[in-house]
N, C-alpha and C. Protein backbone atom coordinates (compact mmCIF):
# COMPACT_ATOMS: atom_id res chain seq x y z
N ALA A 1 90.62 113.13 47.46
CA ALA A 1 91.70 114.07 47.26
C ALA A 1 91.45 114.95 46.04
N ALA A 2 90.84 114.38 45.01
CA ALA A 2 90.58 115.15 43.80
C ALA A 2 89.57 116.27 44.07
N VAL A 3 88.53 115.98 44.81
CA VAL A 3 87.53 117.01 45.11
C VAL A 3 88.14 118.08 46.01
N ASP A 4 89.00 117.69 46.93
CA ASP A 4 89.66 118.67 47.79
C ASP A 4 90.53 119.61 46.95
N GLN A 5 91.27 119.06 46.00
CA GLN A 5 92.12 119.90 45.15
C GLN A 5 91.27 120.78 44.24
N LEU A 6 90.18 120.24 43.72
CA LEU A 6 89.25 121.04 42.91
C LEU A 6 88.71 122.21 43.73
N THR A 7 88.39 121.95 44.99
CA THR A 7 87.91 123.00 45.88
C THR A 7 88.93 124.10 46.03
N ARG A 8 90.18 123.72 46.26
CA ARG A 8 91.23 124.72 46.44
C ARG A 8 91.45 125.52 45.16
N CYS A 9 91.51 124.86 44.03
CA CYS A 9 91.74 125.55 42.75
C CYS A 9 90.57 126.46 42.41
N ALA A 10 89.35 125.97 42.58
CA ALA A 10 88.16 126.77 42.28
C ALA A 10 88.09 127.99 43.19
N SER A 11 88.53 127.85 44.43
CA SER A 11 88.48 128.99 45.35
C SER A 11 89.39 130.12 44.87
N VAL A 12 90.52 129.76 44.31
CA VAL A 12 91.44 130.78 43.78
C VAL A 12 90.86 131.41 42.51
N ASP A 13 90.34 130.58 41.63
CA ASP A 13 89.79 131.08 40.36
C ASP A 13 88.56 131.94 40.55
N LEU A 14 87.73 131.62 41.53
CA LEU A 14 86.46 132.31 41.71
C LEU A 14 86.49 133.44 42.74
N ALA A 15 87.55 133.52 43.51
CA ALA A 15 87.66 134.57 44.53
C ALA A 15 87.52 135.98 43.94
N PRO A 16 88.12 136.28 42.78
CA PRO A 16 87.96 137.63 42.22
C PRO A 16 86.50 138.00 41.92
N LYS A 17 85.65 137.01 41.80
CA LYS A 17 84.23 137.27 41.53
C LYS A 17 83.41 137.27 42.83
N GLY A 18 84.10 137.14 43.96
CA GLY A 18 83.42 137.14 45.25
C GLY A 18 82.74 135.82 45.57
N ILE A 19 83.13 134.78 44.86
CA ILE A 19 82.53 133.46 45.09
C ILE A 19 83.47 132.64 45.97
N ARG A 20 82.92 132.13 47.06
CA ARG A 20 83.69 131.28 47.96
C ARG A 20 83.39 129.82 47.66
N VAL A 21 84.42 128.99 47.78
CA VAL A 21 84.27 127.55 47.51
C VAL A 21 84.90 126.79 48.67
N ASN A 22 84.10 125.96 49.31
CA ASN A 22 84.58 125.13 50.41
C ASN A 22 84.01 123.73 50.25
N ALA A 23 84.67 122.76 50.86
CA ALA A 23 84.19 121.38 50.83
C ALA A 23 83.92 120.91 52.25
N VAL A 24 82.87 120.14 52.40
CA VAL A 24 82.54 119.52 53.68
C VAL A 24 82.77 118.02 53.51
N ASN A 25 83.66 117.47 54.34
CA ASN A 25 84.04 116.07 54.23
C ASN A 25 83.58 115.31 55.48
N PRO A 26 82.38 114.75 55.43
CA PRO A 26 81.88 114.04 56.61
C PRO A 26 82.45 112.64 56.74
N GLY A 27 82.47 112.17 57.97
CA GLY A 27 82.78 110.77 58.24
C GLY A 27 81.47 110.01 58.23
N VAL A 28 81.32 109.06 59.13
CA VAL A 28 80.08 108.30 59.22
C VAL A 28 79.01 109.20 59.84
N VAL A 29 77.91 109.32 59.11
CA VAL A 29 76.77 110.11 59.57
C VAL A 29 75.58 109.15 59.67
N ILE A 30 74.85 109.24 60.76
CA ILE A 30 73.71 108.34 60.96
C ILE A 30 72.60 108.70 59.97
N THR A 31 72.45 107.87 58.95
CA THR A 31 71.39 108.02 57.95
C THR A 31 70.97 106.61 57.51
N ASP A 32 70.05 106.54 56.58
CA ASP A 32 69.63 105.26 56.03
C ASP A 32 70.39 104.91 54.74
N LEU A 33 71.43 105.65 54.41
CA LEU A 33 72.16 105.45 53.16
C LEU A 33 72.62 104.01 52.97
N GLN A 34 73.28 103.47 53.97
CA GLN A 34 73.80 102.11 53.84
C GLN A 34 72.67 101.08 53.75
N LYS A 35 71.62 101.30 54.54
CA LYS A 35 70.49 100.37 54.50
C LYS A 35 69.79 100.41 53.14
N ARG A 36 69.64 101.60 52.59
CA ARG A 36 69.03 101.71 51.26
C ARG A 36 69.90 101.08 50.19
N GLY A 37 71.18 101.00 50.47
CA GLY A 37 72.11 100.36 49.55
C GLY A 37 72.17 98.85 49.70
N GLY A 38 71.37 98.30 50.63
CA GLY A 38 71.30 96.86 50.78
C GLY A 38 71.91 96.29 52.04
N MET A 39 72.49 97.15 52.89
CA MET A 39 73.08 96.65 54.13
C MET A 39 71.97 96.23 55.09
N SER A 40 72.12 95.09 55.70
CA SER A 40 71.12 94.60 56.66
C SER A 40 71.18 95.42 57.95
N ASP A 41 70.12 95.37 58.73
CA ASP A 41 70.09 96.07 60.01
C ASP A 41 71.23 95.60 60.91
N GLU A 42 71.47 94.29 60.92
CA GLU A 42 72.54 93.74 61.75
C GLU A 42 73.91 94.24 61.31
N ALA A 43 74.15 94.24 60.01
CA ALA A 43 75.44 94.71 59.48
C ALA A 43 75.60 96.21 59.75
N TYR A 44 74.51 96.95 59.63
CA TYR A 44 74.57 98.40 59.89
C TYR A 44 74.91 98.67 61.35
N GLU A 45 74.29 97.94 62.25
CA GLU A 45 74.59 98.12 63.67
C GLU A 45 76.06 97.82 63.96
N LYS A 46 76.62 96.78 63.33
CA LYS A 46 78.04 96.45 63.51
C LYS A 46 78.92 97.56 62.93
N PHE A 47 78.52 98.09 61.78
CA PHE A 47 79.24 99.18 61.12
C PHE A 47 79.28 100.41 62.03
N ILE A 48 78.13 100.78 62.59
CA ILE A 48 78.07 101.94 63.48
C ILE A 48 78.86 101.68 64.75
N ASP A 49 78.74 100.49 65.32
CA ASP A 49 79.48 100.15 66.53
C ASP A 49 80.98 100.25 66.30
N ARG A 50 81.45 99.73 65.17
CA ARG A 50 82.89 99.81 64.85
C ARG A 50 83.31 101.26 64.63
N SER A 51 82.45 102.05 63.98
CA SER A 51 82.77 103.46 63.77
C SER A 51 82.94 104.18 65.09
N ILE A 52 82.08 103.87 66.04
CA ILE A 52 82.15 104.53 67.35
C ILE A 52 83.38 104.06 68.13
N LYS A 53 83.65 102.77 68.13
CA LYS A 53 84.72 102.22 68.97
C LYS A 53 86.10 102.24 68.36
N VAL A 54 86.18 102.24 66.99
CA VAL A 54 87.49 102.07 66.36
C VAL A 54 87.88 103.21 65.43
N THR A 55 87.03 103.58 64.51
CA THR A 55 87.48 104.46 63.42
C THR A 55 87.23 105.94 63.61
N HIS A 56 86.43 106.33 64.58
CA HIS A 56 86.13 107.75 64.80
C HIS A 56 86.40 108.09 66.26
N PRO A 57 87.62 108.55 66.59
CA PRO A 57 88.01 108.74 67.99
C PRO A 57 87.05 109.59 68.82
N LEU A 58 86.52 110.67 68.28
CA LEU A 58 85.61 111.50 69.06
C LEU A 58 84.30 110.77 69.33
N ALA A 59 83.89 109.93 68.40
CA ALA A 59 82.65 109.17 68.57
C ALA A 59 82.72 108.29 69.81
N ALA A 60 83.88 107.77 70.11
CA ALA A 60 84.04 106.91 71.30
C ALA A 60 83.72 107.68 72.57
N SER A 61 84.20 108.90 72.67
CA SER A 61 83.94 109.68 73.89
C SER A 61 82.50 110.17 73.95
N LEU A 62 81.88 110.40 72.80
CA LEU A 62 80.49 110.86 72.77
C LEU A 62 79.49 109.71 72.78
N GLY A 63 79.97 108.52 72.40
CA GLY A 63 79.10 107.36 72.33
C GLY A 63 78.14 107.37 71.15
N ARG A 64 78.51 108.09 70.10
CA ARG A 64 77.66 108.19 68.92
C ARG A 64 78.45 108.69 67.72
N CYS A 65 77.87 108.55 66.55
CA CYS A 65 78.45 109.10 65.33
C CYS A 65 77.82 110.47 65.06
N CYS A 66 78.28 111.09 64.02
CA CYS A 66 77.79 112.40 63.60
C CYS A 66 76.33 112.31 63.15
N THR A 67 75.62 113.41 63.30
CA THR A 67 74.23 113.47 62.86
C THR A 67 74.11 114.34 61.61
N PRO A 68 73.07 114.14 60.82
CA PRO A 68 72.86 115.01 59.65
C PRO A 68 72.72 116.48 60.07
N GLU A 69 72.14 116.72 61.23
CA GLU A 69 71.97 118.09 61.71
C GLU A 69 73.32 118.77 61.94
N GLU A 70 74.29 118.01 62.44
CA GLU A 70 75.62 118.60 62.66
C GLU A 70 76.28 118.98 61.34
N VAL A 71 76.13 118.15 60.34
CA VAL A 71 76.68 118.47 59.02
C VAL A 71 75.95 119.68 58.45
N GLY A 72 74.64 119.71 58.61
CA GLY A 72 73.85 120.85 58.14
C GLY A 72 74.24 122.15 58.81
N GLU A 73 74.51 122.10 60.12
CA GLU A 73 74.92 123.30 60.84
C GLU A 73 76.25 123.83 60.32
N LEU A 74 77.18 122.93 60.00
CA LEU A 74 78.45 123.35 59.43
C LEU A 74 78.21 124.03 58.08
N CYS A 75 77.36 123.44 57.25
CA CYS A 75 77.05 124.03 55.94
C CYS A 75 76.41 125.40 56.09
N CYS A 76 75.48 125.52 57.03
CA CYS A 76 74.83 126.81 57.27
C CYS A 76 75.85 127.86 57.71
N PHE A 77 76.78 127.46 58.55
CA PHE A 77 77.84 128.38 58.95
C PHE A 77 78.66 128.83 57.75
N LEU A 78 79.03 127.88 56.90
CA LEU A 78 79.88 128.22 55.76
C LEU A 78 79.22 129.17 54.76
N VAL A 79 77.91 129.14 54.66
CA VAL A 79 77.23 130.06 53.74
C VAL A 79 76.81 131.36 54.42
N SER A 80 77.09 131.48 55.72
CA SER A 80 76.69 132.67 56.46
C SER A 80 77.75 133.77 56.35
N ALA A 81 77.35 134.96 56.76
CA ALA A 81 78.27 136.09 56.77
C ALA A 81 79.42 135.87 57.76
N LYS A 82 79.20 135.03 58.76
CA LYS A 82 80.26 134.75 59.74
C LYS A 82 81.45 134.05 59.09
N ALA A 83 81.24 133.42 57.95
CA ALA A 83 82.31 132.71 57.24
C ALA A 83 82.71 133.44 55.97
N SER A 84 82.46 134.73 55.91
CA SER A 84 82.66 135.48 54.67
C SER A 84 84.11 135.51 54.17
N PHE A 85 85.06 135.21 55.03
CA PHE A 85 86.46 135.23 54.60
C PHE A 85 87.05 133.82 54.54
N ILE A 86 86.20 132.83 54.57
CA ILE A 86 86.65 131.43 54.49
C ILE A 86 86.40 130.93 53.08
N THR A 87 87.45 130.53 52.41
CA THR A 87 87.34 129.93 51.08
C THR A 87 88.51 128.99 50.85
N GLY A 88 88.26 127.97 50.06
CA GLY A 88 89.31 127.00 49.74
C GLY A 88 89.56 125.98 50.83
N GLU A 89 88.65 125.89 51.77
CA GLU A 89 88.84 124.97 52.89
C GLU A 89 88.12 123.65 52.66
N CYS A 90 88.76 122.59 53.09
CA CYS A 90 88.18 121.24 53.05
C CYS A 90 88.02 120.84 54.51
N ILE A 91 86.80 120.96 54.99
CA ILE A 91 86.55 120.81 56.42
C ILE A 91 86.02 119.42 56.72
N ALA A 92 86.78 118.69 57.50
CA ALA A 92 86.38 117.34 57.92
C ALA A 92 85.47 117.47 59.12
N ILE A 93 84.35 116.77 59.07
CA ILE A 93 83.45 116.67 60.21
C ILE A 93 83.30 115.16 60.44
N ASP A 94 84.40 114.59 60.95
CA ASP A 94 84.53 113.13 60.98
C ASP A 94 85.02 112.58 62.31
N GLY A 95 84.93 113.36 63.36
CA GLY A 95 85.34 112.86 64.67
C GLY A 95 86.80 112.46 64.72
N SER A 96 87.64 113.11 63.93
CA SER A 96 89.09 112.89 63.86
C SER A 96 89.50 111.63 63.11
N ARG A 97 88.56 111.05 62.35
CA ARG A 97 88.89 109.83 61.61
C ARG A 97 90.08 110.04 60.66
N GLN A 98 90.09 111.17 59.96
CA GLN A 98 91.16 111.41 58.99
C GLN A 98 92.54 111.47 59.63
N ASN A 99 92.60 111.70 60.92
CA ASN A 99 93.88 111.81 61.62
C ASN A 99 94.42 110.49 62.14
N LEU A 100 93.66 109.43 62.04
CA LEU A 100 94.13 108.14 62.55
C LEU A 100 95.39 107.65 61.84
N GLY A 101 95.54 107.98 60.57
CA GLY A 101 96.74 107.58 59.84
C GLY A 101 98.00 108.28 60.30
N ALA A 102 97.85 109.34 61.06
CA ALA A 102 99.00 110.12 61.52
C ALA A 102 99.72 109.45 62.68
N ARG A 103 99.09 108.44 63.30
CA ARG A 103 99.70 107.81 64.45
C ARG A 103 100.64 106.69 64.05
């Protein structure tokens, strides 16, 4: 929440200088991060399985979690001219995980 608010405040402060500020908030992304942090292969597989079946609603229909390439594509879009009027946004790329609390 703090980084999201910092993003919004910085976008207002920096807009007069033509600087856009946005945040990308990913959910579970398939990487080696957890394994490098000490998670076993078995625990990682359970973590991914739970993410697909329980915590990331879109992942269930796709049968997978987000990929680094998908996060990268969002970032590339945000720095492109196509997003020239987008600033102060906190964009979740989490398969609707953040919305589970709304139910």
